[in-house]
């Protein structure tokens, strides 16, 4: 059977670093308060005029270089973002143009913090169906643009960045020893809209709006939903948690990550954690964490990597990959 094999990984973070100490001069907060509740110590913020596409392009170029291919080899671009450059066209089309690609398809997907997992699943299914051969999957966000910087409960959490993977369709045996995407699982439940949303949009307020969140409720649902989708994933391929080499979770909150790992009986030594220095970069958080662990040598060829995320909607999902 066809497997979507990861052949390249790249990421980009804006130069500006915003520390908790600096935030404490902007809103009524402290480093201790932020670290205790989220585990975040610093985050990266896009420069004035630096767009989501700019971040995505840099991450894509690094992924292409890491894969050792030409941009022209890519025939599918799926970009996950909740902060596109414009209402339309898709930010993916800007990336496609910047890379000099004039064929194939490029489009955005919107599942907020789960976006990269949704994009991975989308690209994987297109490759398995034989419609495309090489996919560029990106998670990119400039969440600083939709944050209310006077709201200390949300402005301390979110940040900007981009991460990208190159997937290539290759023949596999059809078992769990194959390299590539082994299984993906996606879920949504719109009943929980009011717990995490942005209070604006083209057809409602004709404004961009700001992020609104009921943190305690999101936390409660996140631990349950993420634990459940991981169990669903493992059951689908008849594997157990101890067969997972690395858990790469959405970097929303250290307490959520710790709670999910505990429910699964996974030790912290198997969890890739970047929330302390990246903050919550929404759709960019999983690929940013993934690429960091690849770059520093933790994730090696043949490792089994489990990605999971949950975001507004609610949406949540997972992708299991043998590296």
Protein backbone atom coordinates (compact mmCIF):
# COMPACT_ATOMS: atom_id res chain seq x y z
CA UNK A 1 0.00 0.00 0.00
CA UNK A 2 0.98 3.64 -0.37
CA UNK A 3 2.45 5.34 2.71
CA UNK A 4 3.05 9.07 3.18
CA UNK A 5 6.68 9.08 4.28
CA UNK A 6 8.17 12.13 6.00
CA UNK A 7 11.32 13.12 4.12
CA UNK A 8 11.88 16.68 5.37
CA UNK A 9 11.19 18.95 8.31
CA UNK A 10 11.65 22.71 8.75
CA UNK A 11 10.58 25.47 11.11
CA UNK A 12 10.80 29.20 11.64
CA UNK A 13 10.31 31.47 14.65
CA UNK A 14 10.16 35.27 14.49
CA UNK A 15 13.22 37.03 15.89
CA UNK A 16 11.46 38.96 18.60
CA UNK A 17 11.25 37.16 21.95
CA UNK A 18 8.67 38.35 24.48
CA UNK A 19 9.50 37.24 28.00
CA UNK A 20 7.20 36.91 30.99
CA UNK A 21 9.07 39.76 32.66
CA UNK A 22 8.26 42.06 29.74
CA UNK A 23 4.62 40.95 29.78
CA UNK A 24 4.49 41.87 33.47
CA UNK A 25 5.11 45.49 32.45
CA UNK A 26 2.15 45.36 30.06
CA UNK A 27 -0.57 43.62 32.10
CA UNK A 28 -1.16 42.66 35.72
CA UNK A 29 0.79 39.41 35.81
CA UNK A 30 4.06 37.88 36.99
CA UNK A 31 6.53 35.33 35.71
CA UNK A 32 5.54 33.02 38.57
CA UNK A 33 1.82 33.30 37.76
CA UNK A 34 2.36 32.48 34.08
CA UNK A 35 4.77 29.59 34.68
CA UNK A 36 2.57 28.02 37.35
CA UNK A 37 -0.52 28.03 35.14
CA UNK A 38 0.99 27.29 31.73
CA UNK A 39 4.67 26.41 31.92
CA UNK A 40 5.45 29.24 29.48
CA UNK A 41 8.52 31.40 30.07
CA UNK A 42 8.85 33.16 26.73
CA UNK A 43 7.32 33.29 23.25
CA UNK A 44 8.14 34.63 19.76
CA UNK A 45 6.16 37.50 18.24
CA UNK A 46 6.08 38.43 14.55
CA UNK A 47 7.56 41.79 13.61
CA UNK A 48 5.38 44.59 12.28
CA UNK A 49 4.55 43.73 8.69
CA UNK A 50 5.66 40.10 9.08
CA UNK A 51 2.78 37.96 7.84
CA UNK A 52 1.74 34.35 8.36
CA UNK A 53 2.88 33.62 4.80
CA UNK A 54 6.34 35.01 5.55
CA UNK A 55 6.74 32.56 8.44
CA UNK A 56 5.31 29.71 6.38
CA UNK A 57 7.63 30.36 3.44
CA UNK A 58 10.74 30.27 5.63
CA UNK A 59 9.64 27.02 7.29
CA UNK A 60 8.81 25.52 3.88
CA UNK A 61 12.19 26.47 2.42
CA UNK A 62 13.96 24.79 5.34
CA UNK A 63 11.83 21.66 5.00
CA UNK A 64 12.60 21.47 1.28
CA UNK A 65 16.33 21.85 1.95
CA UNK A 66 16.19 19.19 4.68
CA UNK A 67 14.40 16.81 2.29
CA UNK A 68 16.99 17.40 -0.43
CA UNK A 69 14.37 17.98 -3.11
CA UNK A 70 13.43 20.82 -5.43
CA UNK A 71 10.39 22.98 -4.78
CA UNK A 72 9.13 21.94 -8.21
CA UNK A 73 8.84 18.36 -6.94
CA UNK A 74 5.95 19.45 -4.69
CA UNK A 75 2.48 19.03 -6.21
CA UNK A 76 0.34 19.59 -3.09
CA UNK A 77 0.49 22.28 -0.39
CA UNK A 78 -1.84 22.08 2.61
CA UNK A 79 -1.42 24.96 5.04
CA UNK A 80 -3.09 24.96 8.44
CA UNK A 81 -3.78 28.40 9.89
CA UNK A 82 -6.40 30.37 11.78
CA UNK A 83 -4.59 33.64 11.02
CA UNK A 84 -4.36 33.86 7.21
CA UNK A 85 -2.83 36.87 5.47
CA UNK A 86 -6.19 37.73 3.94
CA UNK A 87 -9.76 36.45 3.95
CA UNK A 88 -8.88 35.09 0.50
CA UNK A 89 -7.02 33.81 -1.39
CA UNK A 90 -5.56 30.97 0.65
CA UNK A 91 -2.24 31.73 2.31
CA UNK A 92 -1.04 28.45 0.79
CA UNK A 93 -1.24 30.08 -2.63
CA UNK A 94 1.13 32.83 -1.47
CA UNK A 95 3.55 30.14 -0.31
CA UNK A 96 3.18 28.27 -3.60
CA UNK A 97 4.02 31.43 -5.57
CA UNK A 98 6.98 32.32 -3.35
CA UNK A 99 8.44 28.86 -3.90
CA UNK A 100 8.09 29.21 -7.66
CA UNK A 101 5.56 26.38 -7.97
CA UNK A 102 2.98 26.83 -10.74
CA UNK A 103 1.28 23.44 -10.83
CA UNK A 104 -0.56 21.16 -8.45
CA UNK A 105 -2.90 22.37 -5.71
CA UNK A 106 -2.48 24.68 -2.72
CA UNK A 107 -5.13 25.41 -0.10
CA UNK A 108 -5.64 26.22 3.59
CA UNK A 109 -7.37 24.20 6.30
CA UNK A 110 -8.81 25.77 9.43
CA UNK A 111 -9.06 23.69 12.59
CA UNK A 112 -7.24 26.14 14.88
CA UNK A 113 -4.77 24.36 17.19
CA UNK A 114 -5.64 20.98 15.65
CA UNK A 115 -4.97 22.40 12.19
CA UNK A 116 -1.65 20.73 11.52
CA UNK A 117 -3.02 17.28 12.39
CA UNK A 118 -6.02 17.94 10.12
CA UNK A 119 -3.63 19.08 7.36
CA UNK A 120 -1.50 15.95 7.81
CA UNK A 121 -4.56 13.73 7.52
CA UNK A 122 -5.74 15.61 4.42
CA UNK A 123 -2.39 15.35 2.65
CA UNK A 124 -1.98 11.70 3.67
CA UNK A 125 -5.31 10.74 2.15
CA UNK A 126 -4.57 12.59 -1.10
CA UNK A 127 -1.22 10.82 -1.40
CA UNK A 128 -2.70 7.40 -0.58
CA UNK A 129 -5.39 7.99 -3.20
CA UNK A 130 -2.68 8.54 -5.80
CA UNK A 131 -3.77 12.07 -6.69
CA UNK A 132 -0.48 13.66 -5.67
CA UNK A 133 3.09 12.45 -5.08
CA UNK A 134 4.81 14.98 -2.83
CA UNK A 135 3.07 17.18 -0.28
CA UNK A 136 4.21 20.20 1.71
CA UNK A 137 2.24 20.36 4.96
CA UNK A 138 2.55 23.56 6.98
CA UNK A 139 1.25 24.91 10.26
CA UNK A 140 1.73 28.68 10.49
CA UNK A 141 0.25 31.33 12.75
CA UNK A 142 0.52 34.97 13.77
CA UNK A 143 -1.76 34.66 16.78
CA UNK A 144 -0.36 37.90 18.19
CA UNK A 145 -2.64 39.65 15.67
CA UNK A 146 -5.85 38.36 17.28
CA UNK A 147 -4.86 38.67 20.94
CA UNK A 148 -6.34 41.24 23.30
CA UNK A 149 -3.13 42.47 24.89
CA UNK A 150 -5.06 43.81 27.88
CA UNK A 151 -6.46 40.37 28.76
CA UNK A 152 -3.90 38.69 31.01
CA UNK A 153 -5.66 35.32 30.82
CA UNK A 154 -4.98 34.94 27.08
CA UNK A 155 -2.18 37.31 26.04
CA UNK A 156 0.37 35.37 28.10
CA UNK A 157 -0.38 32.10 26.30
CA UNK A 158 -0.28 32.60 22.54
CA UNK A 159 2.53 33.27 20.08
CA UNK A 160 3.72 33.10 16.48
CA UNK A 161 5.69 30.61 14.39
CA UNK A 162 5.62 28.06 11.58
CA UNK A 163 6.62 24.46 10.98
CA UNK A 164 6.50 22.29 7.86
CA UNK A 165 6.92 18.69 6.74
CA UNK A 166 7.49 17.17 3.32
CA UNK A 167 5.52 13.96 2.70
CA UNK A 168 6.26 11.68 -0.25
CA UNK A 169 4.14 8.78 -1.47
CA UNK A 170 6.11 5.53 -1.23
CA UNK A 171 5.25 1.84 -1.35
CA UNK A 172 4.85 0.12 2.02
CA UNK A 173 4.06 -3.39 3.18
CA UNK A 174 0.88 -2.24 4.90
CA UNK A 175 1.95 -3.04 8.45
CA UNK A 176 3.14 -0.94 11.40
CA UNK A 177 6.79 -1.43 10.45
CA UNK A 178 6.27 0.78 7.41
CA UNK A 179 7.83 4.22 7.47
CA UNK A 180 5.31 7.05 7.09
CA UNK A 181 1.86 7.91 8.34
CA UNK A 182 0.33 4.80 9.91
CA UNK A 183 -3.07 6.23 10.90
CA UNK A 184 -4.88 9.53 11.51
CA UNK A 185 -7.99 10.31 13.53
CA UNK A 186 -10.02 13.54 13.45
CA UNK A 187 -12.92 14.78 15.57
CA UNK A 188 -15.06 17.89 15.99
CA UNK A 189 -17.89 18.94 18.29
CA UNK A 190 -19.42 22.36 17.69
CA UNK A 191 -21.35 22.39 20.96
CA UNK A 192 -18.34 23.91 22.67
CA UNK A 193 -17.93 26.96 20.44
CA UNK A 194 -18.25 29.46 23.28
CA UNK A 195 -15.35 27.98 25.25
CA UNK A 196 -12.72 28.99 22.68
CA UNK A 197 -13.42 31.33 19.78
CA UNK A 198 -12.64 34.68 18.17
CA UNK A 199 -15.37 37.31 18.50
CA UNK A 200 -15.18 38.57 14.93
CA UNK A 201 -15.22 37.63 11.26
CA UNK A 202 -16.18 38.84 7.77
CA UNK A 203 -19.84 37.79 7.89
CA UNK A 204 -20.52 38.54 11.56
CA UNK A 205 -18.75 41.71 12.68
CA UNK A 206 -16.68 42.60 9.59
CA UNK A 207 -13.68 42.76 11.93
CA UNK A 208 -10.86 40.40 12.83
CA UNK A 209 -11.92 40.15 16.46
CA UNK A 210 -10.03 38.87 19.50
CA UNK A 211 -9.56 35.44 21.00
CA UNK A 212 -11.87 34.51 23.88
CA UNK A 213 -11.35 31.47 26.08
CA UNK A 214 -12.82 29.76 29.14
CA UNK A 215 -9.53 28.27 30.28
CA UNK A 216 -10.75 25.85 32.95
CA UNK A 217 -13.35 24.30 30.65
CA UNK A 218 -10.89 23.96 27.78
CA UNK A 219 -8.40 22.27 30.11
CA UNK A 220 -10.98 19.77 31.33
CA UNK A 221 -12.09 18.78 27.82
CA UNK A 222 -8.55 18.73 26.45
CA UNK A 223 -7.19 16.10 28.82
CA UNK A 224 -10.18 13.80 28.22
CA UNK A 225 -10.39 14.28 24.43
CA UNK A 226 -6.66 13.95 23.82
CA UNK A 227 -6.37 10.84 25.97
CA UNK A 228 -9.32 9.28 24.16
CA UNK A 229 -8.01 10.01 20.67
CA UNK A 230 -4.61 8.57 21.55
CA UNK A 231 -6.25 5.37 22.79
CA UNK A 232 -8.34 5.27 19.60
CA UNK A 233 -5.19 5.67 17.52
CA UNK A 234 -3.31 2.89 19.28
CA UNK A 235 -6.28 0.55 19.03
CA UNK A 236 -6.55 1.18 15.28
CA UNK A 237 -3.06 -0.21 14.68
CA UNK A 238 -3.04 -2.71 17.56
CA UNK A 239 -0.21 -0.98 19.41
CA UNK A 240 0.31 -0.04 23.06
CA UNK A 241 1.57 3.17 24.62
CA UNK A 242 4.93 1.61 25.47
CA UNK A 243 5.55 1.12 21.74
CA UNK A 244 5.46 4.88 21.18
CA UNK A 245 8.93 6.40 21.09
CA UNK A 246 7.82 10.03 21.18
CA UNK A 247 4.62 11.90 22.01
CA UNK A 248 4.56 15.27 20.25
CA UNK A 249 1.54 17.08 21.67
CA UNK A 250 0.02 20.44 20.89
CA UNK A 251 1.96 22.88 23.04
CA UNK A 252 -0.96 24.64 24.73
CA UNK A 253 -0.24 24.23 28.39
CA UNK A 254 2.26 22.11 30.33
CA UNK A 255 -0.45 20.96 32.74
CA UNK A 256 -2.58 19.64 29.84
CA UNK A 257 0.44 17.84 28.37
CA UNK A 258 1.39 16.35 31.75
CA UNK A 259 -2.22 15.31 32.40
CA UNK A 260 -2.54 13.59 29.03
CA UNK A 261 0.76 11.74 29.42
CA UNK A 262 -0.22 10.61 32.92
CA UNK A 263 -3.57 9.23 31.72
CA UNK A 264 -1.70 7.24 29.08
CA UNK A 265 0.95 6.02 31.48
CA UNK A 266 3.72 7.65 29.42
CA UNK A 267 6.84 8.98 31.11
CA UNK A 268 7.85 12.61 30.61
CA UNK A 269 11.09 11.40 29.00
CA UNK A 270 9.04 10.38 25.94
CA UNK A 271 7.23 13.72 25.61
CA UNK A 272 8.56 16.54 23.40
CA UNK A 273 7.96 19.77 25.32
CA UNK A 274 8.54 23.21 23.81
CA UNK A 275 5.72 25.24 25.35
CA UNK A 276 8.16 26.85 27.80
CA UNK A 277 10.03 28.70 25.04
CA UNK A 278 7.49 28.71 22.18
CA UNK A 279 4.18 29.37 23.96
CA UNK A 280 0.99 28.24 22.24
CA UNK A 281 1.50 28.75 18.51
CA UNK A 282 -1.78 27.04 17.59
CA UNK A 283 -1.46 25.11 14.29
CA UNK A 284 2.30 25.70 14.28
CA UNK A 285 2.96 24.12 17.67
CA UNK A 286 3.09 20.43 16.70
CA UNK A 287 5.45 20.87 13.71
CA UNK A 288 7.63 23.32 15.66
CA UNK A 289 8.04 20.79 18.47
CA UNK A 290 8.54 17.96 15.98
CA UNK A 291 11.24 19.78 14.05
CA UNK A 292 13.08 20.77 17.22
CA UNK A 293 13.24 17.13 18.31
CA UNK A 294 14.41 16.06 14.85
CA UNK A 295 17.06 18.78 14.74
CA UNK A 296 18.52 17.91 18.15
CA UNK A 297 18.62 14.19 17.35
CA UNK A 298 15.93 12.93 19.70
CA UNK A 299 13.65 11.71 16.92
CA UNK A 300 15.52 9.26 14.70
CA UNK A 301 14.64 7.23 11.64
CA UNK A 302 12.38 4.34 12.56
CA UNK A 303 10.99 5.98 15.70
CA UNK A 304 7.23 5.84 16.24
CA UNK A 305 5.93 9.38 16.76
CA UNK A 306 2.44 10.23 17.97
CA UNK A 307 1.14 13.75 17.30
CA UNK A 308 -2.04 15.01 18.95
CA UNK A 309 -3.80 18.34 19.33
CA UNK A 310 -7.05 20.01 20.33
CA UNK A 311 -8.37 23.43 19.39
CA UNK A 312 -11.38 25.68 19.11
CA UNK A 313 -14.47 24.20 17.58
CA UNK A 314 -13.84 21.97 19.48
CA UNK A 315 -11.61 20.06 17.11
CA UNK A 316 -9.11 17.39 18.06
CA UNK A 317 -7.12 14.67 16.38
CA UNK A 318 -3.99 12.56 16.10
CA UNK A 319 -1.46 11.31 13.59
CA UNK A 320 0.77 8.29 14.16
CA UNK A 321 3.97 8.23 12.09
CA UNK A 322 6.97 5.96 11.85
CA UNK A 323 9.80 8.35 11.15
